[in-house]
Amino acid sequence: MTELDLFETRILRELQHDADLTTAEIAERVGLSVSPCWRRIDRLVREGVIRARVALVDRRKVGLNAHIFAQVRLTAHGRANLDEFGAAIRSFPEVLDAYVMMGTMDFLLRIVARDIDAYERFFLERLSKLPGVQEIHSTVALSEIKSTTVLPVG
């Protein structure tokens, strides 16, 4: 864990809300001059605290209307099976998030598709055909109540 001072916490909050801010704008908002602010941002990037600066795209506006959560159970629970499945799903652009779980299922996947028909094709032609898949339980999200990438730092 990287130790963060008050200014770095403030910098992270600002960048999480708007990564397009200039260093001067961030410095003004957090109460620093530009050079110390830039040095702190540079350190946060070098240490991997800031992994990337990206544009958040509205999935519906690009035609990805189906939002699905899939729980996957594998036939065997060895490390090799988890690694093999994990490597396979990394290549699927439809899978946005994947987590190894403790409990009755081995993986939880967050998936997007154009519509339910597109998800059905993905499910039947790709996901369910992966080696070691025993069962998959899919749940379709009806609406989105909260979706954020902002971490509660500080």
N, C-alpha and C. Protein backbone atom coordinates (compact mmCIF):
# COMPACT_ATOMS: atom_id res chain seq x y z
N MET A 1 0.84 -1.18 0.00
CA MET A 1 0.00 0.00 0.00
C MET A 1 0.88 1.24 0.00
N THR A 2 0.54 2.19 -0.84
CA THR A 2 1.27 3.45 -0.92
C THR A 2 0.68 4.42 0.10
N GLU A 3 1.55 5.00 0.90
CA GLU A 3 1.11 6.02 1.86
C GLU A 3 0.80 7.31 1.09
N LEU A 4 -0.37 7.86 1.35
CA LEU A 4 -0.79 9.09 0.68
C LEU A 4 -0.91 10.22 1.70
N ASP A 5 -0.39 11.39 1.33
CA ASP A 5 -0.60 12.54 2.19
C ASP A 5 -1.92 13.22 1.80
N LEU A 6 -2.28 14.25 2.53
CA LEU A 6 -3.55 14.94 2.30
C LEU A 6 -3.65 15.49 0.88
N PHE A 7 -2.55 16.05 0.37
CA PHE A 7 -2.57 16.61 -0.98
C PHE A 7 -2.75 15.52 -2.03
N GLU A 8 -2.08 14.40 -1.85
CA GLU A 8 -2.21 13.30 -2.82
C GLU A 8 -3.62 12.73 -2.82
N THR A 9 -4.22 12.65 -1.65
CA THR A 9 -5.62 12.21 -1.56
C THR A 9 -6.53 13.16 -2.31
N ARG A 10 -6.30 14.45 -2.14
CA ARG A 10 -7.10 15.45 -2.85
C ARG A 10 -6.87 15.37 -4.36
N ILE A 11 -5.62 15.17 -4.75
CA ILE A 11 -5.29 15.04 -6.17
C ILE A 11 -6.03 13.85 -6.77
N LEU A 12 -6.02 12.73 -6.08
CA LEU A 12 -6.71 11.53 -6.59
C LEU A 12 -8.21 11.77 -6.72
N ARG A 13 -8.79 12.46 -5.76
CA ARG A 13 -10.22 12.76 -5.84
C ARG A 13 -10.52 13.60 -7.08
N GLU A 14 -9.71 14.62 -7.31
CA GLU A 14 -9.93 15.49 -8.47
C GLU A 14 -9.78 14.71 -9.78
N LEU A 15 -8.71 13.92 -9.88
CA LEU A 15 -8.48 13.17 -11.12
C LEU A 15 -9.55 12.10 -11.36
N GLN A 16 -10.08 11.50 -10.30
CA GLN A 16 -11.13 10.50 -10.48
C GLN A 16 -12.42 11.12 -11.02
N HIS A 17 -12.62 12.39 -10.73
CA HIS A 17 -13.82 13.07 -11.23
C HIS A 17 -13.60 13.67 -12.61
N ASP A 18 -12.36 14.06 -12.92
CA ASP A 18 -12.09 14.65 -14.23
C ASP A 18 -10.60 14.52 -14.55
N ALA A 19 -10.23 13.52 -15.30
CA ALA A 19 -8.83 13.28 -15.65
C ALA A 19 -8.31 14.26 -16.70
N ASP A 20 -9.19 15.09 -17.26
CA ASP A 20 -8.77 16.09 -18.25
C ASP A 20 -8.25 17.37 -17.61
N LEU A 21 -8.34 17.49 -16.30
CA LEU A 21 -7.85 18.70 -15.64
C LEU A 21 -6.35 18.86 -15.88
N THR A 22 -5.93 20.09 -16.08
CA THR A 22 -4.49 20.35 -16.20
C THR A 22 -3.86 20.30 -14.82
N THR A 23 -2.55 20.18 -14.79
CA THR A 23 -1.84 20.18 -13.51
C THR A 23 -2.09 21.50 -12.79
N ALA A 24 -2.15 22.59 -13.52
CA ALA A 24 -2.41 23.89 -12.90
C ALA A 24 -3.80 23.93 -12.26
N GLU A 25 -4.79 23.37 -12.94
CA GLU A 25 -6.15 23.35 -12.39
C GLU A 25 -6.21 22.48 -11.13
N ILE A 26 -5.54 21.33 -11.18
CA ILE A 26 -5.52 20.45 -10.01
C ILE A 26 -4.81 21.14 -8.85
N ALA A 27 -3.67 21.75 -9.14
CA ALA A 27 -2.89 22.44 -8.10
C ALA A 27 -3.74 23.50 -7.42
N GLU A 28 -4.47 24.26 -8.19
CA GLU A 28 -5.32 25.31 -7.62
C GLU A 28 -6.40 24.71 -6.74
N ARG A 29 -7.01 23.62 -7.19
CA ARG A 29 -8.10 23.00 -6.43
C ARG A 29 -7.65 22.36 -5.13
N VAL A 30 -6.40 21.85 -5.11
CA VAL A 30 -5.93 21.15 -3.90
C VAL A 30 -5.06 22.02 -3.01
N GLY A 31 -4.73 23.23 -3.46
CA GLY A 31 -3.96 24.15 -2.62
C GLY A 31 -2.47 23.99 -2.71
N LEU A 32 -1.96 23.64 -3.89
CA LEU A 32 -0.51 23.52 -4.11
C LEU A 32 -0.10 24.42 -5.26
N SER A 33 1.20 24.65 -5.38
CA SER A 33 1.69 25.29 -6.60
C SER A 33 1.89 24.19 -7.65
N VAL A 34 2.11 24.58 -8.88
CA VAL A 34 2.11 23.62 -9.99
C VAL A 34 3.22 22.58 -9.87
N SER A 35 4.45 23.00 -9.58
CA SER A 35 5.57 22.04 -9.54
C SER A 35 5.39 20.94 -8.50
N PRO A 36 5.08 21.25 -7.24
CA PRO A 36 4.87 20.17 -6.27
C PRO A 36 3.67 19.29 -6.64
N CYS A 37 2.66 19.87 -7.23
CA CYS A 37 1.50 19.09 -7.66
C CYS A 37 1.91 18.12 -8.75
N TRP A 38 2.69 18.58 -9.73
CA TRP A 38 3.15 17.72 -10.82
C TRP A 38 4.00 16.58 -10.27
N ARG A 39 4.91 16.89 -9.31
CA ARG A 39 5.76 15.86 -8.73
C ARG A 39 4.94 14.79 -8.03
N ARG A 40 3.89 15.19 -7.32
CA ARG A 40 3.03 14.22 -6.65
C ARG A 40 2.28 13.36 -7.66
N ILE A 41 1.75 13.98 -8.70
CA ILE A 41 1.05 13.19 -9.74
C ILE A 41 2.01 12.22 -10.40
N ASP A 42 3.21 12.69 -10.71
CA ASP A 42 4.23 11.82 -11.33
C ASP A 42 4.55 10.64 -10.43
N ARG A 43 4.70 10.87 -9.13
CA ARG A 43 4.98 9.78 -8.19
C ARG A 43 3.82 8.78 -8.16
N LEU A 44 2.58 9.29 -8.15
CA LEU A 44 1.41 8.41 -8.13
C LEU A 44 1.35 7.54 -9.38
N VAL A 45 1.76 8.10 -10.51
CA VAL A 45 1.80 7.32 -11.76
C VAL A 45 2.93 6.30 -11.69
N ARG A 46 4.13 6.72 -11.30
CA ARG A 46 5.28 5.81 -11.24
C ARG A 46 5.05 4.64 -10.29
N GLU A 47 4.37 4.91 -9.16
CA GLU A 47 4.13 3.86 -8.18
C GLU A 47 2.89 3.02 -8.49
N GLY A 48 2.22 3.33 -9.60
CA GLY A 48 1.08 2.52 -10.01
C GLY A 48 -0.22 2.83 -9.30
N VAL A 49 -0.24 3.87 -8.48
CA VAL A 49 -1.50 4.27 -7.83
C VAL A 49 -2.48 4.75 -8.90
N ILE A 50 -1.99 5.56 -9.82
CA ILE A 50 -2.77 5.94 -11.00
C ILE A 50 -2.36 4.97 -12.10
N ARG A 51 -3.27 4.07 -12.44
CA ARG A 51 -2.96 3.04 -13.44
C ARG A 51 -3.12 3.54 -14.86
N ALA A 52 -4.11 4.40 -15.10
CA ALA A 52 -4.38 4.88 -16.46
C ALA A 52 -5.30 6.08 -16.38
N ARG A 53 -5.30 6.86 -17.42
CA ARG A 53 -6.28 7.94 -17.58
C ARG A 53 -7.08 7.58 -18.83
N VAL A 54 -8.37 7.38 -18.64
CA VAL A 54 -9.20 6.87 -19.73
C VAL A 54 -10.48 7.68 -19.87
N ALA A 55 -11.15 7.47 -20.99
CA ALA A 55 -12.48 8.05 -21.19
C ALA A 55 -13.50 6.99 -20.80
N LEU A 56 -14.49 7.37 -20.01
CA LEU A 56 -15.55 6.45 -19.64
C LEU A 56 -16.67 6.59 -20.67
N VAL A 57 -16.98 5.50 -21.35
CA VAL A 57 -17.94 5.51 -22.44
C VAL A 57 -19.28 4.98 -21.93
N ASP A 58 -20.36 5.65 -22.30
CA ASP A 58 -21.70 5.20 -21.96
C ASP A 58 -22.04 4.00 -22.84
N ARG A 59 -22.16 2.83 -22.25
CA ARG A 59 -22.35 1.60 -23.01
C ARG A 59 -23.60 1.65 -23.88
N ARG A 60 -24.66 2.25 -23.38
CA ARG A 60 -25.91 2.30 -24.15
C ARG A 60 -25.78 3.18 -25.39
N LYS A 61 -25.00 4.24 -25.29
CA LYS A 61 -24.85 5.14 -26.43
C LYS A 61 -24.01 4.54 -27.55
N VAL A 62 -23.32 3.45 -27.25
CA VAL A 62 -22.58 2.74 -28.29
C VAL A 62 -23.25 1.40 -28.61
N GLY A 63 -24.51 1.25 -28.20
CA GLY A 63 -25.30 0.09 -28.59
C GLY A 63 -25.12 -1.16 -27.75
N LEU A 64 -24.55 -1.05 -26.57
CA LEU A 64 -24.39 -2.22 -25.69
C LEU A 64 -25.46 -2.15 -24.61
N ASN A 65 -26.64 -2.63 -24.95
CA ASN A 65 -27.82 -2.46 -24.11
C ASN A 65 -28.02 -3.58 -23.08
N ALA A 66 -27.39 -4.70 -23.26
CA ALA A 66 -27.54 -5.81 -22.31
C ALA A 66 -26.35 -5.82 -21.35
N HIS A 67 -26.67 -5.88 -20.07
CA HIS A 67 -25.66 -5.90 -19.00
C HIS A 67 -25.92 -7.16 -18.19
N ILE A 68 -24.96 -8.08 -18.20
CA ILE A 68 -25.19 -9.41 -17.62
C ILE A 68 -24.11 -9.71 -16.59
N PHE A 69 -24.52 -10.37 -15.52
CA PHE A 69 -23.58 -10.91 -14.54
C PHE A 69 -23.66 -12.42 -14.64
N ALA A 70 -22.53 -13.06 -14.83
CA ALA A 70 -22.51 -14.52 -14.97
C ALA A 70 -21.63 -15.12 -13.88
N GLN A 71 -22.19 -16.11 -13.21
CA GLN A 71 -21.43 -16.87 -12.23
C GLN A 71 -21.03 -18.19 -12.88
N VAL A 72 -19.74 -18.50 -12.82
CA VAL A 72 -19.22 -19.68 -13.51
C VAL A 72 -18.61 -20.63 -12.50
N ARG A 73 -18.98 -21.90 -12.64
CA ARG A 73 -18.37 -22.96 -11.83
C ARG A 73 -17.56 -23.84 -12.77
N LEU A 74 -16.34 -24.14 -12.37
CA LEU A 74 -15.48 -25.02 -13.15
C LEU A 74 -15.58 -26.45 -12.65
N THR A 75 -15.20 -27.41 -13.50
CA THR A 75 -15.27 -28.82 -13.12
C THR A 75 -14.22 -29.17 -12.08
N ALA A 76 -13.07 -28.51 -12.14
CA ALA A 76 -11.99 -28.75 -11.18
C ALA A 76 -11.52 -27.41 -10.63
N HIS A 77 -11.03 -27.41 -9.41
CA HIS A 77 -10.70 -26.15 -8.75
C HIS A 77 -9.21 -25.90 -8.62
N GLY A 78 -8.39 -26.66 -9.31
CA GLY A 78 -6.95 -26.45 -9.21
C GLY A 78 -6.52 -25.10 -9.76
N ARG A 79 -5.38 -24.65 -9.32
CA ARG A 79 -4.83 -23.35 -9.76
C ARG A 79 -4.70 -23.30 -11.28
N ALA A 80 -4.29 -24.41 -11.89
CA ALA A 80 -4.12 -24.44 -13.35
C ALA A 80 -5.45 -24.19 -14.06
N ASN A 81 -6.53 -24.77 -13.54
CA ASN A 81 -7.85 -24.58 -14.17
C ASN A 81 -8.29 -23.13 -14.05
N LEU A 82 -8.09 -22.52 -12.88
CA LEU A 82 -8.45 -21.11 -12.69
C LEU A 82 -7.63 -20.22 -13.63
N ASP A 83 -6.34 -20.50 -13.74
CA ASP A 83 -5.48 -19.71 -14.59
C ASP A 83 -5.86 -19.86 -16.06
N GLU A 84 -6.17 -21.09 -16.48
CA GLU A 84 -6.53 -21.34 -17.88
C GLU A 84 -7.84 -20.63 -18.23
N PHE A 85 -8.83 -20.71 -17.35
CA PHE A 85 -10.10 -20.03 -17.60
C PHE A 85 -9.88 -18.52 -17.60
N GLY A 86 -9.13 -18.02 -16.64
CA GLY A 86 -8.85 -16.59 -16.56
C GLY A 86 -8.17 -16.07 -17.81
N ALA A 87 -7.20 -16.82 -18.32
CA ALA A 87 -6.51 -16.41 -19.55
C ALA A 87 -7.47 -16.37 -20.73
N ALA A 88 -8.37 -17.34 -20.81
CA ALA A 88 -9.33 -17.38 -21.92
C ALA A 88 -10.29 -16.20 -21.89
N ILE A 89 -10.83 -15.88 -20.72
CA ILE A 89 -11.82 -14.80 -20.69
C ILE A 89 -11.20 -13.42 -20.85
N ARG A 90 -9.89 -13.29 -20.60
CA ARG A 90 -9.22 -12.01 -20.84
C ARG A 90 -9.29 -11.62 -22.32
N SER A 91 -9.43 -12.61 -23.19
CA SER A 91 -9.46 -12.33 -24.63
C SER A 91 -10.86 -11.95 -25.12
N PHE A 92 -11.87 -12.03 -24.27
CA PHE A 92 -13.24 -11.72 -24.67
C PHE A 92 -13.54 -10.24 -24.36
N PRO A 93 -13.70 -9.39 -25.36
CA PRO A 93 -13.98 -7.98 -25.08
C PRO A 93 -15.33 -7.76 -24.41
N GLU A 94 -16.24 -8.70 -24.53
CA GLU A 94 -17.54 -8.58 -23.88
C GLU A 94 -17.44 -8.65 -22.36
N VAL A 95 -16.41 -9.31 -21.86
CA VAL A 95 -16.21 -9.45 -20.41
C VAL A 95 -15.46 -8.23 -19.91
N LEU A 96 -16.15 -7.40 -19.14
CA LEU A 96 -15.55 -6.17 -18.63
C LEU A 96 -14.79 -6.40 -17.33
N ASP A 97 -15.34 -7.25 -16.47
CA ASP A 97 -14.71 -7.55 -15.18
C ASP A 97 -14.81 -9.05 -14.93
N ALA A 98 -13.80 -9.59 -14.28
CA ALA A 98 -13.81 -11.00 -13.91
C ALA A 98 -13.13 -11.15 -12.56
N TYR A 99 -13.79 -11.89 -11.67
CA TYR A 99 -13.28 -12.07 -10.31
C TYR A 99 -13.27 -13.55 -9.97
N VAL A 100 -12.20 -14.01 -9.34
CA VAL A 100 -12.17 -15.34 -8.76
C VAL A 100 -12.90 -15.23 -7.43
N MET A 101 -13.85 -16.13 -7.20
CA MET A 101 -14.71 -16.04 -6.03
C MET A 101 -14.43 -17.18 -5.06
N MET A 102 -14.78 -16.93 -3.81
CA MET A 102 -14.77 -17.97 -2.79
C MET A 102 -16.23 -18.32 -2.56
N GLY A 103 -16.54 -19.58 -2.55
CA GLY A 103 -17.93 -19.99 -2.35
C GLY A 103 -18.36 -21.03 -3.36
N THR A 104 -19.63 -21.02 -3.71
CA THR A 104 -20.16 -22.06 -4.58
C THR A 104 -19.76 -21.89 -6.04
N MET A 105 -19.43 -20.68 -6.46
CA MET A 105 -19.01 -20.42 -7.83
C MET A 105 -17.54 -20.01 -7.84
N ASP A 106 -16.89 -20.24 -8.98
CA ASP A 106 -15.46 -19.95 -9.09
C ASP A 106 -15.18 -18.56 -9.64
N PHE A 107 -16.05 -18.06 -10.53
CA PHE A 107 -15.84 -16.76 -11.16
C PHE A 107 -17.13 -15.97 -11.19
N LEU A 108 -17.00 -14.66 -11.09
CA LEU A 108 -18.09 -13.74 -11.35
C LEU A 108 -17.64 -12.84 -12.49
N LEU A 109 -18.45 -12.78 -13.54
CA LEU A 109 -18.13 -12.00 -14.73
C LEU A 109 -19.16 -10.91 -14.92
N ARG A 110 -18.71 -9.74 -15.34
CA ARG A 110 -19.61 -8.67 -15.76
C ARG A 110 -19.43 -8.54 -17.25
N ILE A 111 -20.54 -8.69 -17.97
CA ILE A 111 -20.51 -8.82 -19.43
C ILE A 111 -21.47 -7.81 -20.05
N VAL A 112 -21.09 -7.27 -21.20
CA VAL A 112 -22.01 -6.43 -21.97
C VAL A 112 -22.18 -7.04 -23.37
N ALA A 113 -23.36 -6.77 -23.94
CA ALA A 113 -23.67 -7.23 -25.30
C ALA A 113 -24.67 -6.28 -25.91
N ARG A 114 -24.81 -6.33 -27.21
CA ARG A 114 -25.77 -5.45 -27.89
C ARG A 114 -27.18 -5.68 -27.37
N ASP A 115 -27.54 -6.93 -27.20
CA ASP A 115 -28.88 -7.29 -26.72
C ASP A 115 -28.81 -8.72 -26.20
N ILE A 116 -29.94 -9.23 -25.75
CA ILE A 116 -29.97 -10.59 -25.18
C ILE A 116 -29.63 -11.64 -26.24
N ASP A 117 -30.05 -11.42 -27.48
CA ASP A 117 -29.70 -12.37 -28.55
C ASP A 117 -28.18 -12.44 -28.73
N ALA A 118 -27.52 -11.30 -28.69
CA ALA A 118 -26.06 -11.28 -28.83
C ALA A 118 -25.40 -11.98 -27.64
N TYR A 119 -25.94 -11.77 -26.43
CA TYR A 119 -25.40 -12.47 -25.27
C TYR A 119 -25.60 -13.98 -25.41
N GLU A 120 -26.77 -14.38 -25.90
CA GLU A 120 -27.03 -15.81 -26.09
C GLU A 120 -26.00 -16.43 -27.03
N ARG A 121 -25.68 -15.73 -28.13
CA ARG A 121 -24.65 -16.24 -29.05
C ARG A 121 -23.29 -16.33 -28.36
N PHE A 122 -22.92 -15.28 -27.62
CA PHE A 122 -21.66 -15.28 -26.87
C PHE A 122 -21.63 -16.46 -25.88
N PHE A 123 -22.73 -16.63 -25.17
CA PHE A 123 -22.85 -17.70 -24.18
C PHE A 123 -22.69 -19.07 -24.84
N LEU A 124 -23.45 -19.33 -25.89
CA LEU A 124 -23.46 -20.65 -26.52
C LEU A 124 -22.21 -20.94 -27.34
N GLU A 125 -21.70 -19.95 -28.03
CA GLU A 125 -20.59 -20.18 -28.96
C GLU A 125 -19.21 -20.00 -28.35
N ARG A 126 -19.12 -19.24 -27.25
CA ARG A 126 -17.79 -18.96 -26.71
C ARG A 126 -17.65 -19.32 -25.23
N LEU A 127 -18.46 -18.69 -24.37
CA LEU A 127 -18.27 -18.85 -22.93
C LEU A 127 -18.49 -20.28 -22.47
N SER A 128 -19.59 -20.88 -22.88
CA SER A 128 -19.91 -22.24 -22.40
C SER A 128 -19.01 -23.30 -23.02
N LYS A 129 -18.28 -22.95 -24.08
CA LYS A 129 -17.39 -23.93 -24.73
C LYS A 129 -15.98 -23.92 -24.18
N LEU A 130 -15.70 -23.04 -23.22
CA LEU A 130 -14.37 -23.02 -22.63
C LEU A 130 -14.12 -24.31 -21.87
N PRO A 131 -12.90 -24.85 -21.95
CA PRO A 131 -12.61 -26.08 -21.23
C PRO A 131 -12.77 -25.91 -19.72
N GLY A 132 -13.35 -26.91 -19.10
CA GLY A 132 -13.48 -26.90 -17.65
C GLY A 132 -14.73 -26.24 -17.11
N VAL A 133 -15.58 -25.68 -17.96
CA VAL A 133 -16.80 -25.04 -17.49
C VAL A 133 -17.84 -26.09 -17.15
N GLN A 134 -18.29 -26.09 -15.91
CA GLN A 134 -19.31 -27.04 -15.47
C GLN A 134 -20.70 -26.42 -15.57
N GLU A 135 -20.85 -25.19 -15.06
CA GLU A 135 -22.15 -24.53 -15.14
C GLU A 135 -21.97 -23.02 -15.11
N ILE A 136 -22.97 -22.35 -15.69
CA ILE A 136 -22.98 -20.89 -15.74
C ILE A 136 -24.38 -20.43 -15.37
N HIS A 137 -24.46 -19.50 -14.43
CA HIS A 137 -25.73 -18.87 -14.06
C HIS A 137 -25.64 -17.41 -14.48
N SER A 138 -26.52 -17.02 -15.38
CA SER A 138 -26.53 -15.64 -15.89
C SER A 138 -27.69 -14.87 -15.29
N THR A 139 -27.41 -13.62 -14.94
CA THR A 139 -28.42 -12.72 -14.42
C THR A 139 -28.34 -11.44 -15.22
N VAL A 140 -29.50 -11.00 -15.74
CA VAL A 140 -29.55 -9.78 -16.54
C VAL A 140 -29.91 -8.61 -15.63
N ALA A 141 -29.12 -7.55 -15.71
CA ALA A 141 -29.43 -6.33 -14.97
C ALA A 141 -30.53 -5.58 -15.69
N LEU A 142 -31.59 -5.23 -14.98
CA LEU A 142 -32.70 -4.49 -15.57
C LEU A 142 -32.41 -3.01 -15.65
N SER A 143 -31.84 -2.46 -14.60
CA SER A 143 -31.49 -1.04 -14.60
C SER A 143 -30.25 -0.84 -13.75
N GLU A 144 -29.63 0.30 -13.93
CA GLU A 144 -28.40 0.62 -13.24
C GLU A 144 -28.70 1.68 -12.18
N ILE A 145 -28.51 1.36 -10.93
CA ILE A 145 -28.77 2.27 -9.84
C ILE A 145 -27.54 3.12 -9.54
N LYS A 146 -26.38 2.48 -9.52
CA LYS A 146 -25.12 3.19 -9.28
C LYS A 146 -24.03 2.48 -10.05
N SER A 147 -23.24 3.24 -10.73
CA SER A 147 -22.06 2.72 -11.41
C SER A 147 -20.99 3.80 -11.35
N THR A 148 -19.89 3.50 -10.72
CA THR A 148 -18.84 4.50 -10.56
C THR A 148 -17.48 3.83 -10.64
N THR A 149 -16.49 4.62 -10.98
CA THR A 149 -15.11 4.18 -10.91
C THR A 149 -14.36 4.94 -9.83
N VAL A 150 -15.07 5.82 -9.13
CA VAL A 150 -14.45 6.67 -8.11
C VAL A 150 -14.28 5.87 -6.82
N LEU A 151 -13.02 5.72 -6.39
CA LEU A 151 -12.71 5.01 -5.15
C LEU A 151 -12.79 6.00 -3.98
N PRO A 152 -13.25 5.55 -2.82
CA PRO A 152 -13.35 6.43 -1.65
C PRO A 152 -11.99 6.59 -0.95
N VAL A 153 -11.08 7.32 -1.58
CA VAL A 153 -9.74 7.50 -1.00
C VAL A 153 -9.77 8.56 0.10
N GLY A 154 -8.88 8.37 1.07
CA GLY A 154 -8.73 9.38 2.12
C GLY A 154 -9.62 9.25 3.29
